[in-house]
Amino acid sequence: MTTGAYTEDTLVQQTTAEYLEQHLGWDSVYAYNNEDFGPESLLGRSSDREVVLTRYLREKLV
């Protein structure tokens, strides 16, 4: 059995992201190893501990 085909990314993350995109119209961004932090960063997070993307949440709440 090869372990390369069965990872958390392929079994959980990609499957969940595809479901949310196809069935709920959500956008998904794979930012692993691609994100820096700050207001102008890819997701606008101040650190990796910030799990709620407040700039998008605030925009939708208004």
Protein backbone atom coordinates (compact mmCIF):
# COMPACT_ATOMS: atom_id res chain seq x y z
CA MET A 1 0.00 0.00 0.00
CA THR A 2 1.32 3.42 -0.90
CA THR A 3 0.84 6.15 1.66
CA GLY A 4 1.23 8.98 -0.86
CA ALA A 5 -2.33 8.64 -2.18
CA TYR A 6 -3.97 8.67 1.24
CA THR A 7 -3.27 11.89 3.08
CA GLU A 8 -5.34 14.23 5.22
CA ASP A 9 -5.28 16.67 2.32
CA THR A 10 -6.71 14.24 -0.25
CA LEU A 11 -9.14 12.47 2.08
CA VAL A 12 -10.46 15.39 4.11
CA GLN A 13 -9.42 18.86 2.99
CA GLN A 14 -9.87 18.55 -0.77
CA THR A 15 -13.10 16.58 -0.41
CA THR A 16 -14.58 19.13 1.99
CA ALA A 17 -13.46 22.09 -0.13
CA GLU A 18 -14.98 20.54 -3.25
CA TYR A 19 -18.27 19.88 -1.46
CA LEU A 20 -18.48 23.45 -0.12
CA GLU A 21 -17.71 24.87 -3.56
CA GLN A 22 -20.10 22.65 -5.54
CA HIS A 23 -23.04 22.52 -3.15
CA LEU A 24 -22.87 25.79 -1.24
CA GLY A 25 -21.09 28.12 -3.69
CA TRP A 26 -18.19 28.79 -1.32
CA ASP A 27 -14.73 29.82 -2.52
CA SER A 28 -11.75 27.81 -1.35
CA VAL A 29 -8.13 28.95 -1.09
CA TYR A 30 -5.31 26.48 -0.52
CA ALA A 31 -2.82 28.68 1.32
CA TYR A 32 -0.50 26.08 2.84
CA ASN A 33 3.06 27.42 2.62
CA ASN A 34 1.80 30.29 0.42
CA GLU A 35 0.61 32.79 2.97
CA ASP A 36 2.44 35.57 4.69
CA PHE A 37 0.65 37.66 7.29
CA GLY A 38 -0.60 41.22 7.51
CA PRO A 39 -3.42 43.35 6.14
CA GLU A 40 -2.27 42.98 2.52
CA SER A 41 -1.50 39.25 2.71
CA LEU A 42 -3.29 36.50 0.79
CA LEU A 43 -6.01 36.05 3.42
CA GLY A 44 -5.43 39.18 5.49
CA ARG A 45 -4.67 37.30 8.70
CA SER A 46 -2.40 38.77 11.34
CA SER A 47 -1.09 35.30 12.32
CA ASP A 48 -1.77 31.62 11.80
CA ARG A 49 -3.83 31.64 15.01
CA GLU A 50 -6.49 33.85 13.41
CA VAL A 51 -8.99 31.31 12.10
CA VAL A 52 -11.90 33.64 11.32
CA LEU A 53 -11.22 35.79 8.26
CA THR A 54 -12.64 38.96 9.77
CA ARG A 55 -12.29 41.16 6.68
CA TYR A 56 -14.59 38.82 4.73
CA LEU A 57 -16.94 38.20 7.64
CA ARG A 58 -17.33 41.92 8.34
CA GLU A 59 -18.04 42.60 4.65
CA LYS A 60 -20.78 39.95 4.54
CA LEU A 61 -22.36 41.10 7.80
CA VAL A 62 -22.67 44.69 6.54
